[in-house]
Amino acid sequence: MRALEPRSAGIVERDGVLLAFEVFGDGEPTVVLLPTWSIIHSRFWKAQVATLARRHRVVTFDGRGVGRSGRPVGAAAYTHHQFTADTLAVLDATGTEQAVLVALSCGVLWAAQLAADHPERALGIVTLGPAVALAPAHPDREVFPFDEPLTETRGWAKYNRHHWQRDFPDFLEFFFTQMFTEPHSTKQIEDCVEWASDTDPARLADANDGIGACGMEDFRAVCERVCCPVLVIHGDEDELRPHAQGVALADATRGSLVTIAGGGHGVHARDPILVNQLIRDFVERVHPTPS
């Protein structure tokens, strides 16, 4: 059961990869809720879709590697450039000339790239918990190598290619517990673990390597080319991506920053009323309703 069923759905093929999309509601401008890292499909936006679709046309799609979209092999298939091109393909397939882009975590990379390379398509960008290498990561995430076999299996040692092959459910439980650090987050954790259980750990490792190719200096140059308005929303207790990365993104894009006190990485799910209102206010600012 879903709060709102799509009014249309389809699949577009780009370079042999199928991309599954859905369209909800009506009304200008279109809001595109972008995919994030290839660990969960587009249902992670479930707390946003029905609310935003009351006033706007809303487009979602499963990112490559998850859900009903294709699962290409190899890190080269999961760079931020590939996700950017996928987004353009979905915009074209849904007849979306311009949109407000909303992105969580790694999705910020392709939102910014699209806005920099195709400014005529992006009215504005809303980012949540941006996973951007514009400030240092949490130190405890840097301790364990990703590719080497480890005997340690506690904490961030679970973020390891070999551990994923041995005990992927253990990693998922840990990862989403880190994503939702707020009290009473059981429902959000259970949802994400269930959605991610269909993910292929080998494809997720490809996605990890592909996204890792986006270096700090390269991305900073991309941010400098973004000319549309940008809103950064970031919890100050985000255990996956430090608040400093959101601060740095707002500075690099000349955008505005909203800090959610006590918020973790998944503020869109834990504080949807506030986040939805911030998105709606931003959309109205970049595309005012005719009086």
C-alpha atoms as a PDB file:
ATOM      1  CA  MET A   1       0.000   0.000   0.000  1.00  0.00           C
ATOM      2  CA  ARG A   2       1.337   3.408  -1.015  1.00  0.00           C
ATOM      3  CA  ALA A   3       0.086   6.824   0.040  1.00  0.00           C
ATOM      4  CA  LEU A   4      -0.072   7.829  -3.629  1.00  0.00           C
ATOM      5  CA  GLU A   5       0.108   5.685  -6.754  1.00  0.00           C
ATOM      6  CA  PRO A   6       1.948   7.055  -9.801  1.00  0.00           C
ATOM      7  CA  ARG A   7      -0.194   8.461 -12.576  1.00  0.00           C
ATOM      8  CA  SER A   8       2.264   7.044 -15.086  1.00  0.00           C
ATOM      9  CA  ALA A   9       5.362   4.870 -15.110  1.00  0.00           C
ATOM     10  CA  GLY A  10       7.831   3.736 -17.701  1.00  0.00           C
ATOM     11  CA  ILE A  11      11.306   2.570 -18.601  1.00  0.00           C
ATOM     12  CA  VAL A  12      13.896   4.391 -20.688  1.00  0.00           C
ATOM     13  CA  GLU A  13      17.019   2.728 -22.032  1.00  0.00           C
ATOM     14  CA  ARG A  14      20.364   4.520 -22.087  1.00  0.00           C
ATOM     15  CA  ASP A  15      23.432   2.787 -23.467  1.00  0.00           C
ATOM     16  CA  GLY A  16      21.882  -0.595 -22.754  1.00  0.00           C
ATOM     17  CA  VAL A  17      20.870   0.190 -19.152  1.00  0.00           C
ATOM     18  CA  LEU A  18      17.157   0.273 -18.340  1.00  0.00           C
ATOM     19  CA  LEU A  19      15.983   3.083 -16.033  1.00  0.00           C
ATOM     20  CA  ALA A  20      12.594   2.704 -14.344  1.00  0.00           C
ATOM     21  CA  PHE A  21      10.733   5.932 -13.547  1.00  0.00           C
ATOM     22  CA  GLU A  22       7.405   7.041 -12.074  1.00  0.00           C
ATOM     23  CA  VAL A  23       5.462  10.290 -12.363  1.00  0.00           C
ATOM     24  CA  PHE A  24       3.094  11.617  -9.690  1.00  0.00           C
ATOM     25  CA  GLY A  25       0.744  14.581  -9.517  1.00  0.00           C
ATOM     26  CA  ASP A  26       0.586  17.603 -11.744  1.00  0.00           C
ATOM     27  CA  GLY A  27       1.477  21.274 -11.637  1.00  0.00           C
ATOM     28  CA  GLU A  28       4.532  23.344 -12.406  1.00  0.00           C
ATOM     29  CA  PRO A  29       7.369  23.171 -11.838  1.00  0.00           C
ATOM     30  CA  THR A  30       8.344  19.520 -11.918  1.00  0.00           C
ATOM     31  CA  VAL A  31      10.282  18.287  -8.888  1.00  0.00           C
ATOM     32  CA  VAL A  32      12.701  15.436  -9.613  1.00  0.00           C
ATOM     33  CA  LEU A  33      13.629  13.318  -6.599  1.00  0.00           C
ATOM     34  CA  LEU A  34      16.976  11.874  -7.633  1.00  0.00           C
ATOM     35  CA  PRO A  35      18.391   8.445  -6.806  1.00  0.00           C
ATOM     36  CA  THR A  36      21.153   8.213  -4.256  1.00  0.00           C
ATOM     37  CA  TRP A  37      23.904   5.607  -3.800  1.00  0.00           C
ATOM     38  CA  SER A  38      22.902   2.266  -5.330  1.00  0.00           C
ATOM     39  CA  ILE A  39      21.941   0.702  -2.014  1.00  0.00           C
ATOM     40  CA  ILE A  40      18.209   1.566  -2.076  1.00  0.00           C
ATOM     41  CA  HIS A  41      15.655   2.328  -4.762  1.00  0.00           C
ATOM     42  CA  SER A  42      13.405   5.352  -5.109  1.00  0.00           C
ATOM     43  CA  ARG A  43      10.987   4.328  -2.367  1.00  0.00           C
ATOM     44  CA  PHE A  44      13.276   6.105   0.086  1.00  0.00           C
ATOM     45  CA  TRP A  45      11.434   9.277  -0.995  1.00  0.00           C
ATOM     46  CA  LYS A  46       8.075   7.916   0.184  1.00  0.00           C
ATOM     47  CA  ALA A  47       7.647  10.643   2.826  1.00  0.00           C
ATOM     48  CA  GLN A  48       8.064  13.345   0.170  1.00  0.00           C
ATOM     49  CA  VAL A  49       6.164  12.108  -2.884  1.00  0.00           C
ATOM     50  CA  ALA A  50       2.550  12.449  -1.755  1.00  0.00           C
ATOM     51  CA  THR A  51       3.057  15.848  -0.125  1.00  0.00           C
ATOM     52  CA  LEU A  52       4.955  17.421  -3.003  1.00  0.00           C
ATOM     53  CA  ALA A  53       2.580  15.932  -5.599  1.00  0.00           C
ATOM     54  CA  ARG A  54      -0.315  17.931  -4.147  1.00  0.00           C
ATOM     55  CA  ARG A  55       1.097  20.991  -5.877  1.00  0.00           C
ATOM     56  CA  HIS A  56       3.704  19.762  -8.316  1.00  0.00           C
ATOM     57  CA  ARG A  57       4.486  17.118 -10.857  1.00  0.00           C
ATOM     58  CA  VAL A  58       6.959  14.766  -9.178  1.00  0.00           C
ATOM     59  CA  VAL A  59       9.336  12.388 -10.973  1.00  0.00           C
ATOM     60  CA  THR A  60      11.287   9.604  -9.291  1.00  0.00           C
ATOM     61  CA  PHE A  61      13.454   6.858 -10.747  1.00  0.00           C
ATOM     62  CA  ASP A  62      15.431   3.893  -9.510  1.00  0.00           C
ATOM     63  CA  GLY A  63      19.140   4.467  -9.892  1.00  0.00           C
ATOM     64  CA  ARG A  64      21.225   2.033 -11.887  1.00  0.00           C
ATOM     65  CA  GLY A  65      22.078  -1.003  -9.796  1.00  0.00           C
ATOM     66  CA  VAL A  66      18.876  -1.133  -7.744  1.00  0.00           C
ATOM     67  CA  GLY A  67      15.129  -1.629  -7.926  1.00  0.00           C
ATOM     68  CA  ARG A  68      13.600  -2.099 -11.351  1.00  0.00           C
ATOM     69  CA  SER A  69      16.503  -0.442 -13.147  1.00  0.00           C
ATOM     70  CA  GLY A  70      19.360  -2.294 -14.830  1.00  0.00           C
ATOM     71  CA  ARG A  71      22.436  -3.500 -12.983  1.00  0.00           C
ATOM     72  CA  PRO A  72      25.502  -3.019 -15.167  1.00  0.00           C
ATOM     73  CA  VAL A  73      28.814  -4.521 -14.102  1.00  0.00           C
ATOM     74  CA  GLY A  74      31.976  -2.584 -13.294  1.00  0.00           C
ATOM     75  CA  ALA A  75      32.906   0.630 -11.505  1.00  0.00           C
ATOM     76  CA  ALA A  76      32.939   2.602 -14.770  1.00  0.00           C
ATOM     77  CA  ALA A  77      29.179   2.094 -14.998  1.00  0.00           C
ATOM     78  CA  TYR A  78      28.591   3.907 -11.683  1.00  0.00           C
ATOM     79  CA  THR A  79      30.465   7.192 -11.937  1.00  0.00           C
ATOM     80  CA  HIS A  80      28.616  10.420 -11.194  1.00  0.00           C
ATOM     81  CA  HIS A  81      28.762  11.176 -14.922  1.00  0.00           C
ATOM     82  CA  GLN A  82      26.734   8.038 -15.630  1.00  0.00           C
ATOM     83  CA  PHE A  83      24.095   9.032 -13.084  1.00  0.00           C
ATOM     84  CA  THR A  84      24.009  12.539 -14.546  1.00  0.00           C
ATOM     85  CA  ALA A  85      23.390  11.147 -18.021  1.00  0.00           C
ATOM     86  CA  ASP A  86      20.707   8.845 -16.591  1.00  0.00           C
ATOM     87  CA  THR A  87      18.955  11.838 -15.067  1.00  0.00           C
ATOM     88  CA  LEU A  88      18.956  13.645 -18.398  1.00  0.00           C
ATOM     89  CA  ALA A  89      17.532  10.542 -20.076  1.00  0.00           C
ATOM     90  CA  VAL A  90      14.680  10.425 -17.547  1.00  0.00           C
ATOM     91  CA  LEU A  91      14.011  14.150 -17.947  1.00  0.00           C
ATOM     92  CA  ASP A  92      13.735  13.660 -21.692  1.00  0.00           C
ATOM     93  CA  ALA A  93      11.605  10.523 -21.408  1.00  0.00           C
ATOM     94  CA  THR A  94       9.135  12.278 -19.102  1.00  0.00           C
ATOM     95  CA  GLY A  95       9.002  15.470 -21.186  1.00  0.00           C
ATOM     96  CA  THR A  96      10.600  17.514 -18.428  1.00  0.00           C
ATOM     97  CA  GLU A  97      12.305  20.589 -19.836  1.00  0.00           C
ATOM     98  CA  GLN A  98      13.156  22.131 -16.455  1.00  0.00           C
ATOM     99  CA  ALA A  99      12.952  20.886 -12.891  1.00  0.00           C
ATOM    100  CA  VAL A 100      13.886  21.492  -9.316  1.00  0.00           C
ATOM    101  CA  LEU A 101      16.340  18.722  -8.399  1.00  0.00           C
ATOM    102  CA  VAL A 102      16.195  17.203  -4.908  1.00  0.00           C
ATOM    103  CA  ALA A 103      19.097  14.974  -3.905  1.00  0.00           C
ATOM    104  CA  LEU A 104      20.156  12.959  -0.875  1.00  0.00           C
ATOM    105  CA  SER A 105      23.764  12.104  -0.035  1.00  0.00           C
ATOM    106  CA  CYS A 106      25.625  10.882  -3.161  1.00  0.00           C
ATOM    107  CA  GLY A 107      22.784  12.095  -5.356  1.00  0.00           C
ATOM    108  CA  VAL A 108      24.124  15.596  -4.788  1.00  0.00           C
ATOM    109  CA  LEU A 109      27.057  14.745  -7.074  1.00  0.00           C
ATOM    110  CA  TRP A 110      24.855  14.219 -10.128  1.00  0.00           C
ATOM    111  CA  ALA A 111      22.500  17.045  -9.234  1.00  0.00           C
ATOM    112  CA  ALA A 112      25.417  19.477  -9.224  1.00  0.00           C
ATOM    113  CA  GLN A 113      26.950  18.006 -12.368  1.00  0.00           C
ATOM    114  CA  LEU A 114      23.678  18.301 -14.263  1.00  0.00           C
ATOM    115  CA  ALA A 115      23.120  21.883 -13.133  1.00  0.00           C
ATOM    116  CA  ALA A 116      26.703  22.824 -14.101  1.00  0.00           C
ATOM    117  CA  ASP A 117      26.637  21.156 -17.517  1.00  0.00           C
ATOM    118  CA  HIS A 118      22.991  21.839 -18.430  1.00  0.00           C
ATOM    119  CA  PRO A 119      21.954  25.000 -16.565  1.00  0.00           C
ATOM    120  CA  GLU A 120      18.841  25.368 -18.719  1.00  0.00           C
ATOM    121  CA  ARG A 121      17.420  22.161 -17.196  1.00  0.00           C
ATOM    122  CA  ALA A 122      17.856  22.986 -13.489  1.00  0.00           C
ATOM    123  CA  LEU A 123      15.692  25.604 -11.783  1.00  0.00           C
ATOM    124  CA  GLY A 124      17.354  24.915  -8.454  1.00  0.00           C
ATOM    125  CA  ILE A 125      18.834  22.197  -6.256  1.00  0.00           C
ATOM    126  CA  VAL A 126      17.827  21.035  -2.783  1.00  0.00           C
ATOM    127  CA  THR A 127      20.436  18.811  -1.136  1.00  0.00           C
ATOM    128  CA  LEU A 128      20.099  16.700   1.988  1.00  0.00           C
ATOM    129  CA  GLY A 129      23.093  15.335   3.892  1.00  0.00           C
ATOM    130  CA  PRO A 130      25.390  15.908   0.900  1.00  0.00           C
ATOM    131  CA  ALA A 131      28.089  13.275   0.452  1.00  0.00           C
ATOM    132  CA  VAL A 132      30.696  15.601  -1.011  1.00  0.00           C
ATOM    133  CA  ALA A 133      34.446  15.609  -0.529  1.00  0.00           C
ATOM    134  CA  LEU A 134      34.621  19.326   0.170  1.00  0.00           C
ATOM    135  CA  ALA A 135      35.489  18.742   3.828  1.00  0.00           C
ATOM    136  CA  PRO A 136      37.060  15.768   5.637  1.00  0.00           C
ATOM    137  CA  ALA A 137      34.996  12.657   6.296  1.00  0.00           C
ATOM    138  CA  HIS A 138      34.383  11.292   9.791  1.00  0.00           C
ATOM    139  CA  PRO A 139      37.760   9.942  10.993  1.00  0.00           C
ATOM    140  CA  ASP A 140      36.357   6.560  12.032  1.00  0.00           C
ATOM    141  CA  ARG A 141      35.260   5.911   8.441  1.00  0.00           C
ATOM    142  CA  GLU A 142      38.851   6.246   7.253  1.00  0.00           C
ATOM    143  CA  VAL A 143      40.387   3.583   9.513  1.00  0.00           C
ATOM    144  CA  PHE A 144      39.593   0.401   7.592  1.00  0.00           C
ATOM    145  CA  PRO A 145      40.436  -0.313   3.937  1.00  0.00           C
ATOM    146  CA  PHE A 146      37.576  -1.211   1.632  1.00  0.00           C
ATOM    147  CA  ASP A 147      39.329  -3.743  -0.600  1.00  0.00           C
ATOM    148  CA  GLU A 148      41.521  -5.725   1.804  1.00  0.00           C
ATOM    149  CA  PRO A 149      40.224  -8.795   3.698  1.00  0.00           C
ATOM    150  CA  LEU A 150      39.795  -7.981   7.389  1.00  0.00           C
ATOM    151  CA  THR A 151      39.543 -10.092  10.522  1.00  0.00           C
ATOM    152  CA  GLU A 152      37.850  -7.207  12.337  1.00  0.00           C
ATOM    153  CA  THR A 153      34.077  -7.066  11.820  1.00  0.00           C
ATOM    154  CA  ARG A 154      33.049  -4.365  14.263  1.00  0.00           C
ATOM    155  CA  GLY A 155      31.904  -0.852  13.408  1.00  0.00           C
ATOM    156  CA  TRP A 156      33.129   0.607  10.133  1.00  0.00           C
ATOM    157  CA  ALA A 157      35.144  -2.533   9.430  1.00  0.00           C
ATOM    158  CA  LYS A 158      31.809  -3.756   8.068  1.00  0.00           C
ATOM    159  CA  TYR A 159      32.189  -1.244   5.210  1.00  0.00           C
ATOM    160  CA  ASN A 160      34.365  -3.706   3.327  1.00  0.00           C
ATOM    161  CA  ARG A 161      33.974  -5.516   0.002  1.00  0.00           C
ATOM    162  CA  HIS A 162      34.773  -8.924   1.500  1.00  0.00           C
ATOM    163  CA  HIS A 163      32.496  -8.501   4.499  1.00  0.00           C
ATOM    164  CA  TRP A 164      29.631  -7.626   2.153  1.00  0.00           C
ATOM    165  CA  GLN A 165      30.094 -10.960   0.399  1.00  0.00           C
ATOM    166  CA  ARG A 166      30.239 -12.852   3.701  1.00  0.00           C
ATOM    167  CA  ASP A 167      27.446 -11.141   5.617  1.00  0.00           C
ATOM    168  CA  PHE A 168      25.663  -8.414   3.679  1.00  0.00           C
ATOM    169  CA  PRO A 169      22.660  -8.263   6.090  1.00  0.00           C
ATOM    170  CA  ASP A 170      25.070  -7.459   8.943  1.00  0.00           C
ATOM    171  CA  PHE A 171      26.450  -4.506   6.980  1.00  0.00           C
ATOM    172  CA  LEU A 172      22.970  -3.232   6.072  1.00  0.00           C
ATOM    173  CA  GLU A 173      21.824  -3.300   9.692  1.00  0.00           C
ATOM    174  CA  PHE A 174      24.918  -1.374  10.775  1.00  0.00           C
ATOM    175  CA  PHE A 175      24.832   1.126   7.928  1.00  0.00           C
ATOM    176  CA  PHE A 176      21.221   2.151   8.342  1.00  0.00           C
ATOM    177  CA  THR A 177      21.595   2.351  12.118  1.00  0.00           C
ATOM    178  CA  GLN A 178      24.322   4.897  11.415  1.00  0.00           C
ATOM    179  CA  MET A 179      22.046   6.676   8.944  1.00  0.00           C
ATOM    180  CA  PHE A 180      19.216   7.060  11.455  1.00  0.00           C
ATOM    181  CA  THR A 181      20.795   8.008  14.771  1.00  0.00           C
ATOM    182  CA  GLU A 182      17.740   9.771  16.188  1.00  0.00           C
ATOM    183  CA  PRO A 183      15.718   8.008  18.906  1.00  0.00           C
ATOM    184  CA  HIS A 184      12.749   5.921  17.751  1.00  0.00           C
ATOM    185  CA  SER A 185      14.122   5.317  14.250  1.00  0.00           C
ATOM    186  CA  THR A 186      13.231   1.612  14.159  1.00  0.00           C
ATOM    187  CA  LYS A 187      10.706   1.987  11.329  1.00  0.00           C
ATOM    188  CA  GLN A 188      13.077   3.924   9.075  1.00  0.00           C
ATOM    189  CA  ILE A 189      15.902   1.442   9.714  1.00  0.00           C
ATOM    190  CA  GLU A 190      13.657  -1.546   9.017  1.00  0.00           C
ATOM    191  CA  ASP A 191      12.333   0.024   5.804  1.00  0.00           C
ATOM    192  CA  CYS A 192      15.801   0.699   4.436  1.00  0.00           C
ATOM    193  CA  VAL A 193      17.176  -2.722   5.386  1.00  0.00           C
ATOM    194  CA  GLU A 194      14.219  -4.350   3.627  1.00  0.00           C
ATOM    195  CA  TRP A 195      14.630  -2.200   0.491  1.00  0.00           C
ATOM    196  CA  ALA A 196      18.390  -2.812   0.383  1.00  0.00           C
ATOM    197  CA  SER A 197      18.066  -6.579   0.831  1.00  0.00           C
ATOM    198  CA  ASP A 198      17.490  -6.887  -2.912  1.00  0.00           C
ATOM    199  CA  THR A 199      20.779  -5.112  -3.640  1.00  0.00           C
ATOM    200  CA  ASP A 200      23.645  -7.122  -5.105  1.00  0.00           C
ATOM    201  CA  PRO A 201      26.718  -6.497  -2.904  1.00  0.00           C
ATOM    202  CA  ALA A 202      28.992  -6.853  -5.932  1.00  0.00           C
ATOM    203  CA  ARG A 203      27.123  -4.075  -7.763  1.00  0.00           C
ATOM    204  CA  LEU A 204      27.160  -1.949  -4.618  1.00  0.00           C
ATOM    205  CA  ALA A 205      30.943  -2.374  -4.513  1.00  0.00           C
ATOM    206  CA  ASP A 206      31.056  -1.223  -8.139  1.00  0.00           C
ATOM    207  CA  ALA A 207      29.000   1.825  -7.170  1.00  0.00           C
ATOM    208  CA  ASN A 208      31.300   2.557  -4.251  1.00  0.00           C
ATOM    209  CA  ASP A 209      34.337   2.487  -6.545  1.00  0.00           C
ATOM    210  CA  GLY A 210      32.638   4.463  -9.319  1.00  0.00           C
ATOM    211  CA  ILE A 211      31.507   7.306  -7.091  1.00  0.00           C
ATOM    212  CA  GLY A 212      34.919   7.374  -5.434  1.00  0.00           C
ATOM    213  CA  ALA A 213      36.351   8.588  -8.721  1.00  0.00           C
ATOM    214  CA  CYS A 214      34.898  12.057  -8.072  1.00  0.00           C
ATOM    215  CA  GLY A 215      37.752  13.931  -6.417  1.00  0.00           C
ATOM    216  CA  MET A 216      37.464  17.005  -4.214  1.00  0.00           C
ATOM    217  CA  GLU A 217      39.094  19.461  -6.610  1.00  0.00           C
ATOM    218  CA  ASP A 218      37.087  18.209  -9.575  1.00  0.00           C
ATOM    219  CA  PHE A 219      33.831  18.556  -7.673  1.00  0.00           C
ATOM    220  CA  ARG A 220      34.721  21.989  -6.318  1.00  0.00           C
ATOM    221  CA  ALA A 221      35.164  23.169  -9.907  1.00  0.00           C
ATOM    222  CA  VAL A 222      31.741  21.712 -10.754  1.00  0.00           C
ATOM    223  CA  CYS A 223      30.182  23.604  -7.851  1.00  0.00           C
ATOM    224  CA  GLU A 224      31.687  26.855  -9.054  1.00  0.00           C
ATOM    225  CA  ARG A 225      29.838  26.421 -12.355  1.00  0.00           C
ATOM    226  CA  VAL A 226      26.438  25.901 -10.721  1.00  0.00           C
ATOM    227  CA  CYS A 227      24.457  29.100 -11.277  1.00  0.00           C
ATOM    228  CA  CYS A 228      20.984  28.102 -10.039  1.00  0.00           C
ATOM    229  CA  PRO A 229      19.860  28.582  -6.422  1.00  0.00           C
ATOM    230  CA  VAL A 230      20.976  25.869  -3.996  1.00  0.00           C
ATOM    231  CA  LEU A 231      19.559  24.903  -0.604  1.00  0.00           C
ATOM    232  CA  VAL A 232      21.598  22.617   1.657  1.00  0.00           C
ATOM    233  CA  ILE A 233      19.801  20.787   4.467  1.00  0.00           C
ATOM    234  CA  HIS A 234      22.059  18.933   6.883  1.00  0.00           C
ATOM    235  CA  GLY A 235      21.663  17.404  10.340  1.00  0.00           C
ATOM    236  CA  ASP A 236      24.327  18.430  12.817  1.00  0.00           C
ATOM    237  CA  GLU A 237      24.581  14.860  14.167  1.00  0.00           C
ATOM    238  CA  ASP A 238      24.966  13.130  10.797  1.00  0.00           C
ATOM    239  CA  GLU A 239      27.147  10.053  11.402  1.00  0.00           C
ATOM    240  CA  LEU A 240      27.577   9.232   7.705  1.00  0.00           C
ATOM    241  CA  ARG A 241      28.529  12.638   6.352  1.00  0.00           C
ATOM    242  CA  PRO A 242      29.760  15.402   8.661  1.00  0.00           C
ATOM    243  CA  HIS A 243      27.835  18.649   8.856  1.00  0.00           C
ATOM    244  CA  ALA A 244      31.009  20.417   7.695  1.00  0.00           C
ATOM    245  CA  GLN A 245      30.493  18.940   4.227  1.00  0.00           C
ATOM    246  CA  GLY A 246      27.086  20.608   4.000  1.00  0.00           C
ATOM    247  CA  VAL A 247      28.604  23.909   5.149  1.00  0.00           C
ATOM    248  CA  ALA A 248      31.322  23.608   2.510  1.00  0.00           C
ATOM    249  CA  LEU A 249      28.791  22.790  -0.229  1.00  0.00           C
ATOM    250  CA  ALA A 250      26.666  25.815   0.603  1.00  0.00           C
ATOM    251  CA  ASP A 251      29.786  27.959   0.433  1.00  0.00           C
ATOM    252  CA  ALA A 252      31.030  26.428  -2.843  1.00  0.00           C
ATOM    253  CA  THR A 253      27.665  26.878  -4.589  1.00  0.00           C
ATOM    254  CA  ARG A 254      26.860  30.241  -2.989  1.00  0.00           C
ATOM    255  CA  GLY A 255      23.778  28.574  -1.581  1.00  0.00           C
ATOM    256  CA  SER A 256      21.924  28.700   1.707  1.00  0.00           C
ATOM    257  CA  LEU A 257      22.225  26.259   4.607  1.00  0.00           C
ATOM    258  CA  VAL A 258      19.567  24.942   6.979  1.00  0.00           C
ATOM    259  CA  THR A 259      20.939  22.969   9.915  1.00  0.00           C
ATOM    260  CA  ILE A 260      18.605  20.486  11.601  1.00  0.00           C
ATOM    261  CA  ALA A 261      19.566  20.265  15.264  1.00  0.00           C
ATOM    262  CA  GLY A 262      19.965  16.665  16.363  1.00  0.00           C
ATOM    263  CA  GLY A 263      19.399  15.454  12.810  1.00  0.00           C
ATOM    264  CA  GLY A 264      21.136  12.442  11.342  1.00  0.00           C
ATOM    265  CA  HIS A 265      21.715  11.524   7.707  1.00  0.00           C
ATOM    266  CA  GLY A 266      18.121  10.640   6.886  1.00  0.00           C
ATOM    267  CA  VAL A 267      16.356  13.852   7.886  1.00  0.00           C
ATOM    268  CA  HIS A 268      13.923  13.489   4.960  1.00  0.00           C
ATOM    269  CA  ALA A 269      12.485  10.404   6.687  1.00  0.00           C
ATOM    270  CA  ARG A 270      12.895  11.412  10.329  1.00  0.00           C
ATOM    271  CA  ASP A 271      11.675  15.007  10.017  1.00  0.00           C
ATOM    272  CA  PRO A 272       9.540  14.945   6.849  1.00  0.00           C
ATOM    273  CA  ILE A 273       7.204  17.785   7.810  1.00  0.00           C
ATOM    274  CA  LEU A 274      10.070  20.241   8.165  1.00  0.00           C
ATOM    275  CA  VAL A 275      11.958  18.927   5.127  1.00  0.00           C
ATOM    276  CA  ASN A 276       8.870  18.934   2.902  1.00  0.00           C
ATOM    277  CA  GLN A 277       8.065  22.497   3.895  1.00  0.00           C
ATOM    278  CA  LEU A 278      11.626  23.590   3.181  1.00  0.00           C
ATOM    279  CA  ILE A 279      11.425  21.983  -0.273  1.00  0.00           C
ATOM    280  CA  ARG A 280       8.051  23.577  -1.010  1.00  0.00           C
ATOM    281  CA  ASP A 281       9.248  27.006   0.109  1.00  0.00           C
ATOM    282  CA  PHE A 282      12.353  26.657  -2.060  1.00  0.00           C
ATOM    283  CA  VAL A 283      10.302  25.611  -5.093  1.00  0.00           C
ATOM    284  CA  GLU A 284       8.036  28.614  -4.621  1.00  0.00           C
ATOM    285  CA  ARG A 285      11.076  30.871  -4.391  1.00  0.00           C
ATOM    286  CA  VAL A 286      12.645  29.680  -7.645  1.00  0.00           C
ATOM    287  CA  HIS A 287       9.315  29.335  -9.487  1.00  0.00           C
ATOM    288  CA  PRO A 288       6.703  31.635  -7.890  1.00  0.00           C
ATOM    289  CA  THR A 289       3.047  30.709  -8.317  1.00  0.00           C
ATOM    290  CA  PRO A 290       1.345  33.211 -10.650  1.00  0.00           C
ATOM    291  CA  SER A 291      -0.933  35.560  -8.692  1.00  0.00           C
END
